[in-house]
């Protein structure tokens, strides 16, 4: 898992489908070796209907004489999302902020369909992001640790378990 502190934005959150402004992203992609095991351990594949893409292109296909069922089938997508036990852990272990604001999110179905190469978990607080990594990462700490504003960039040496 990788840690990025920056001004972050999830344009469609799981809370209400609206934007979620945050400070930290814990990211996993399934194409880097250090992430593959973690990615497979915390995600599951699900299928959904991509309504936005259908709205943009479905009429064009219908105008070409393609049946509604065939068109709808083309806009079914398989994507990765967090396993229920991971969502449950987040809900139980990440306290809400003042006024009941959620201090974490993932993207909603539409958002997750656009990123087949990984998954991001968005956090407001460093302590929550680090607790998530400690609980769910094989390495127990971020492999890439980046703080954009202070230009801190560290990479975990997986042999020595020290940052370089």
C-alpha atoms as a PDB file:
ATOM      1  CA  UNK A   1       0.000   0.000   0.000  1.00  0.00           C
ATOM      2  CA  UNK A   2       1.148   3.510  -0.718  1.00  0.00           C
ATOM      3  CA  UNK A   3       0.563   6.673   1.324  1.00  0.00           C
ATOM      4  CA  UNK A   4       0.130  10.087  -0.291  1.00  0.00           C
ATOM      5  CA  UNK A   5      -0.517  13.264   1.665  1.00  0.00           C
ATOM      6  CA  UNK A   6      -1.770  15.968  -0.633  1.00  0.00           C
ATOM      7  CA  UNK A   7      -4.946  17.898  -1.306  1.00  0.00           C
ATOM      8  CA  UNK A   8      -7.040  14.963  -2.541  1.00  0.00           C
ATOM      9  CA  UNK A   9     -10.448  14.672  -4.119  1.00  0.00           C
ATOM     10  CA  UNK A  10     -12.755  11.728  -4.744  1.00  0.00           C
ATOM     11  CA  UNK A  11     -15.226  13.016  -7.314  1.00  0.00           C
ATOM     12  CA  UNK A  12     -17.917  10.417  -6.485  1.00  0.00           C
ATOM     13  CA  UNK A  13     -17.806   9.088  -2.919  1.00  0.00           C
ATOM     14  CA  UNK A  14     -19.519   6.015  -1.534  1.00  0.00           C
ATOM     15  CA  UNK A  15     -21.345   8.238   0.986  1.00  0.00           C
ATOM     16  CA  UNK A  16     -23.559  10.208  -1.336  1.00  0.00           C
ATOM     17  CA  UNK A  17     -22.100  10.024  -4.820  1.00  0.00           C
ATOM     18  CA  UNK A  18     -20.845  13.578  -4.382  1.00  0.00           C
ATOM     19  CA  UNK A  19     -17.300  14.819  -4.064  1.00  0.00           C
ATOM     20  CA  UNK A  20     -15.209  14.077  -1.004  1.00  0.00           C
ATOM     21  CA  UNK A  21     -12.402  16.479  -0.144  1.00  0.00           C
ATOM     22  CA  UNK A  22      -9.609  14.930   1.923  1.00  0.00           C
ATOM     23  CA  UNK A  23      -5.916  14.994   2.800  1.00  0.00           C
ATOM     24  CA  UNK A  24      -4.601  11.456   2.353  1.00  0.00           C
ATOM     25  CA  UNK A  25      -4.880   8.642  -0.151  1.00  0.00           C
ATOM     26  CA  UNK A  26      -3.941   5.076   0.639  1.00  0.00           C
ATOM     27  CA  UNK A  27      -3.557   3.552  -2.770  1.00  0.00           C
ATOM     28  CA  UNK A  28      -3.154   0.067  -4.115  1.00  0.00           C
ATOM     29  CA  UNK A  29      -2.694  -0.912  -7.694  1.00  0.00           C
ATOM     30  CA  UNK A  30      -2.733  -4.490  -8.818  1.00  0.00           C
ATOM     31  CA  UNK A  31       0.196  -4.210 -11.221  1.00  0.00           C
ATOM     32  CA  UNK A  32       3.035  -3.454  -8.769  1.00  0.00           C
ATOM     33  CA  UNK A  33       4.483  -6.546  -7.110  1.00  0.00           C
ATOM     34  CA  UNK A  34       4.513  -5.030  -3.616  1.00  0.00           C
ATOM     35  CA  UNK A  35       0.760  -4.374  -3.826  1.00  0.00           C
ATOM     36  CA  UNK A  36      -0.582  -7.537  -5.465  1.00  0.00           C
ATOM     37  CA  UNK A  37      -0.977  -9.595  -2.301  1.00  0.00           C
ATOM     38  CA  UNK A  38      -2.606  -6.717  -0.381  1.00  0.00           C
ATOM     39  CA  UNK A  39      -4.854  -5.876  -3.332  1.00  0.00           C
ATOM     40  CA  UNK A  40      -6.134  -9.450  -3.596  1.00  0.00           C
ATOM     41  CA  UNK A  41      -6.576  -9.716   0.180  1.00  0.00           C
ATOM     42  CA  UNK A  42      -8.822  -6.660   0.584  1.00  0.00           C
ATOM     43  CA  UNK A  43     -10.714  -6.409  -2.711  1.00  0.00           C
ATOM     44  CA  UNK A  44     -13.375  -8.396  -4.455  1.00  0.00           C
ATOM     45  CA  UNK A  45     -14.670  -8.270  -8.020  1.00  0.00           C
ATOM     46  CA  UNK A  46     -18.254  -7.221  -8.599  1.00  0.00           C
ATOM     47  CA  UNK A  47     -20.293  -6.430 -11.680  1.00  0.00           C
ATOM     48  CA  UNK A  48     -22.301  -3.301 -12.264  1.00  0.00           C
ATOM     49  CA  UNK A  49     -24.002  -1.242 -14.935  1.00  0.00           C
ATOM     50  CA  UNK A  50     -22.181   1.874 -16.114  1.00  0.00           C
ATOM     51  CA  UNK A  51     -25.130   4.265 -16.446  1.00  0.00           C
ATOM     52  CA  UNK A  52     -23.086   7.336 -17.418  1.00  0.00           C
ATOM     53  CA  UNK A  53     -21.359   5.616 -20.312  1.00  0.00           C
ATOM     54  CA  UNK A  54     -24.670   4.123 -21.390  1.00  0.00           C
ATOM     55  CA  UNK A  55     -26.266   7.593 -21.298  1.00  0.00           C
ATOM     56  CA  UNK A  56     -23.469   8.965 -23.487  1.00  0.00           C
ATOM     57  CA  UNK A  57     -23.262   6.188 -26.079  1.00  0.00           C
ATOM     58  CA  UNK A  58     -26.373   4.003 -25.819  1.00  0.00           C
ATOM     59  CA  UNK A  59     -28.490   6.163 -28.137  1.00  0.00           C
ATOM     60  CA  UNK A  60     -25.811   6.025 -30.832  1.00  0.00           C
ATOM     61  CA  UNK A  61     -25.882   2.254 -30.718  1.00  0.00           C
ATOM     62  CA  UNK A  62     -29.686   2.169 -30.747  1.00  0.00           C
ATOM     63  CA  UNK A  63     -29.655   4.367 -33.863  1.00  0.00           C
ATOM     64  CA  UNK A  64     -27.564   1.656 -35.538  1.00  0.00           C
ATOM     65  CA  UNK A  65     -30.280  -0.945 -34.936  1.00  0.00           C
ATOM     66  CA  UNK A  66     -28.679  -2.727 -31.987  1.00  0.00           C
ATOM     67  CA  UNK A  67     -31.228  -4.079 -29.512  1.00  0.00           C
ATOM     68  CA  UNK A  68     -31.656  -2.567 -26.056  1.00  0.00           C
ATOM     69  CA  UNK A  69     -30.585  -5.838 -24.377  1.00  0.00           C
ATOM     70  CA  UNK A  70     -27.390  -6.017 -26.444  1.00  0.00           C
ATOM     71  CA  UNK A  71     -26.584  -2.392 -25.663  1.00  0.00           C
ATOM     72  CA  UNK A  72     -27.158  -2.829 -21.914  1.00  0.00           C
ATOM     73  CA  UNK A  73     -24.961  -5.929 -21.897  1.00  0.00           C
ATOM     74  CA  UNK A  74     -22.089  -3.911 -23.373  1.00  0.00           C
ATOM     75  CA  UNK A  75     -22.228  -1.454 -20.462  1.00  0.00           C
ATOM     76  CA  UNK A  76     -21.933  -4.105 -17.744  1.00  0.00           C
ATOM     77  CA  UNK A  77     -18.525  -3.797 -16.122  1.00  0.00           C
ATOM     78  CA  UNK A  78     -16.536  -5.840 -13.660  1.00  0.00           C
ATOM     79  CA  UNK A  79     -14.582  -3.785 -11.162  1.00  0.00           C
ATOM     80  CA  UNK A  80     -12.794  -4.104  -7.831  1.00  0.00           C
ATOM     81  CA  UNK A  81     -14.168  -2.838  -4.552  1.00  0.00           C
ATOM     82  CA  UNK A  82     -13.305  -3.398  -0.913  1.00  0.00           C
ATOM     83  CA  UNK A  83     -14.451  -6.645   0.672  1.00  0.00           C
ATOM     84  CA  UNK A  84     -17.317  -6.312   3.182  1.00  0.00           C
ATOM     85  CA  UNK A  85     -15.032  -7.090   6.135  1.00  0.00           C
ATOM     86  CA  UNK A  86     -12.719  -4.220   5.140  1.00  0.00           C
ATOM     87  CA  UNK A  87     -15.650  -1.790   4.876  1.00  0.00           C
ATOM     88  CA  UNK A  88     -16.867  -3.047   8.251  1.00  0.00           C
ATOM     89  CA  UNK A  89     -13.410  -2.475   9.780  1.00  0.00           C
ATOM     90  CA  UNK A  90     -13.348   1.082   8.421  1.00  0.00           C
ATOM     91  CA  UNK A  91     -16.829   1.784   9.800  1.00  0.00           C
ATOM     92  CA  UNK A  92     -15.935   0.418  13.232  1.00  0.00           C
ATOM     93  CA  UNK A  93     -12.402   1.805  13.571  1.00  0.00           C
ATOM     94  CA  UNK A  94     -12.422   5.212  11.887  1.00  0.00           C
ATOM     95  CA  UNK A  95     -14.273   7.639  14.140  1.00  0.00           C
ATOM     96  CA  UNK A  96     -16.454  10.299  12.570  1.00  0.00           C
ATOM     97  CA  UNK A  97     -15.295  13.894  12.752  1.00  0.00           C
ATOM     98  CA  UNK A  98     -16.991  16.866  14.326  1.00  0.00           C
ATOM     99  CA  UNK A  99     -20.562  17.200  13.211  1.00  0.00           C
ATOM    100  CA  UNK A 100     -20.662  13.543  12.162  1.00  0.00           C
ATOM    101  CA  UNK A 101     -18.509  14.041   9.066  1.00  0.00           C
ATOM    102  CA  UNK A 102     -17.107  10.801   7.687  1.00  0.00           C
ATOM    103  CA  UNK A 103     -13.324  10.713   7.875  1.00  0.00           C
ATOM    104  CA  UNK A 104     -12.824   8.193   5.077  1.00  0.00           C
ATOM    105  CA  UNK A 105     -14.381   7.131   1.799  1.00  0.00           C
ATOM    106  CA  UNK A 106     -13.921   5.068  -1.314  1.00  0.00           C
ATOM    107  CA  UNK A 107     -15.409   5.836  -4.675  1.00  0.00           C
ATOM    108  CA  UNK A 108     -18.955   4.876  -5.513  1.00  0.00           C
ATOM    109  CA  UNK A 109     -19.738   2.244  -8.141  1.00  0.00           C
ATOM    110  CA  UNK A 110     -19.347   4.689 -11.039  1.00  0.00           C
ATOM    111  CA  UNK A 111     -15.991   5.891  -9.728  1.00  0.00           C
ATOM    112  CA  UNK A 112     -14.678   2.368  -9.130  1.00  0.00           C
ATOM    113  CA  UNK A 113     -15.638   1.294 -12.655  1.00  0.00           C
ATOM    114  CA  UNK A 114     -13.222   3.871 -14.080  1.00  0.00           C
ATOM    115  CA  UNK A 115     -10.135   2.484 -12.302  1.00  0.00           C
ATOM    116  CA  UNK A 116      -9.626  -1.185 -13.080  1.00  0.00           C
ATOM    117  CA  UNK A 117      -5.963  -1.005 -12.127  1.00  0.00           C
ATOM    118  CA  UNK A 118      -6.377  -0.368  -8.427  1.00  0.00           C
ATOM    119  CA  UNK A 119      -8.307   1.139  -5.585  1.00  0.00           C
ATOM    120  CA  UNK A 120      -7.891   4.243  -3.448  1.00  0.00           C
ATOM    121  CA  UNK A 121      -9.104   4.775   0.096  1.00  0.00           C
ATOM    122  CA  UNK A 122      -9.402   8.444   1.041  1.00  0.00           C
ATOM    123  CA  UNK A 123      -8.756   9.654   4.597  1.00  0.00           C
ATOM    124  CA  UNK A 124      -8.881  12.936   6.504  1.00  0.00           C
ATOM    125  CA  UNK A 125      -6.389  11.987   9.219  1.00  0.00           C
ATOM    126  CA  UNK A 126      -2.912  10.487   9.072  1.00  0.00           C
ATOM    127  CA  UNK A 127      -3.522   8.268  12.121  1.00  0.00           C
ATOM    128  CA  UNK A 128      -6.505   6.629  10.411  1.00  0.00           C
ATOM    129  CA  UNK A 129      -4.618   6.002   7.178  1.00  0.00           C
ATOM    130  CA  UNK A 130      -1.673   4.514   9.050  1.00  0.00           C
ATOM    131  CA  UNK A 131      -3.971   2.326  11.195  1.00  0.00           C
ATOM    132  CA  UNK A 132      -5.594   1.031   8.005  1.00  0.00           C
ATOM    133  CA  UNK A 133      -2.216   0.217   6.481  1.00  0.00           C
ATOM    134  CA  UNK A 134      -0.985  -1.449   9.673  1.00  0.00           C
ATOM    135  CA  UNK A 135      -4.105  -3.620   9.811  1.00  0.00           C
ATOM    136  CA  UNK A 136      -4.459  -4.564   6.147  1.00  0.00           C
ATOM    137  CA  UNK A 137      -0.982  -4.426   4.570  1.00  0.00           C
ATOM    138  CA  UNK A 138       1.372  -7.370   4.464  1.00  0.00           C
ATOM    139  CA  UNK A 139       4.202  -4.900   5.137  1.00  0.00           C
ATOM    140  CA  UNK A 140       2.418  -3.137   8.050  1.00  0.00           C
ATOM    141  CA  UNK A 141       3.631   0.239   6.714  1.00  0.00           C
ATOM    142  CA  UNK A 142       3.432   2.084   3.395  1.00  0.00           C
ATOM    143  CA  UNK A 143       5.830   0.969   0.673  1.00  0.00           C
ATOM    144  CA  UNK A 144       5.795   4.425  -0.905  1.00  0.00           C
ATOM    145  CA  UNK A 145       5.395   7.299   1.568  1.00  0.00           C
ATOM    146  CA  UNK A 146       4.901  10.712  -0.004  1.00  0.00           C
ATOM    147  CA  UNK A 147       4.019  14.085   1.475  1.00  0.00           C
ATOM    148  CA  UNK A 148       3.493  16.440  -1.425  1.00  0.00           C
ATOM    149  CA  UNK A 149       3.613  19.720   0.503  1.00  0.00           C
ATOM    150  CA  UNK A 150       6.934  19.006   2.262  1.00  0.00           C
ATOM    151  CA  UNK A 151       8.447  17.085  -0.668  1.00  0.00           C
ATOM    152  CA  UNK A 152       9.029  13.960   1.450  1.00  0.00           C
ATOM    153  CA  UNK A 153       9.414  10.872  -0.726  1.00  0.00           C
ATOM    154  CA  UNK A 154      10.427   7.597   0.854  1.00  0.00           C
ATOM    155  CA  UNK A 155      10.426   4.062  -0.423  1.00  0.00           C
ATOM    156  CA  UNK A 156      10.424   1.060   1.878  1.00  0.00           C
ATOM    157  CA  UNK A 157      13.264  -1.358   1.214  1.00  0.00           C
ATOM    158  CA  UNK A 158      11.378  -4.643   1.441  1.00  0.00           C
ATOM    159  CA  UNK A 159      14.523  -6.534   2.426  1.00  0.00           C
ATOM    160  CA  UNK A 160      15.656  -4.318   5.311  1.00  0.00           C
ATOM    161  CA  UNK A 161      12.181  -2.865   6.090  1.00  0.00           C
ATOM    162  CA  UNK A 162      13.743   0.603   6.313  1.00  0.00           C
ATOM    163  CA  UNK A 163      12.907   3.692   4.307  1.00  0.00           C
ATOM    164  CA  UNK A 164      15.355   5.015   1.733  1.00  0.00           C
END
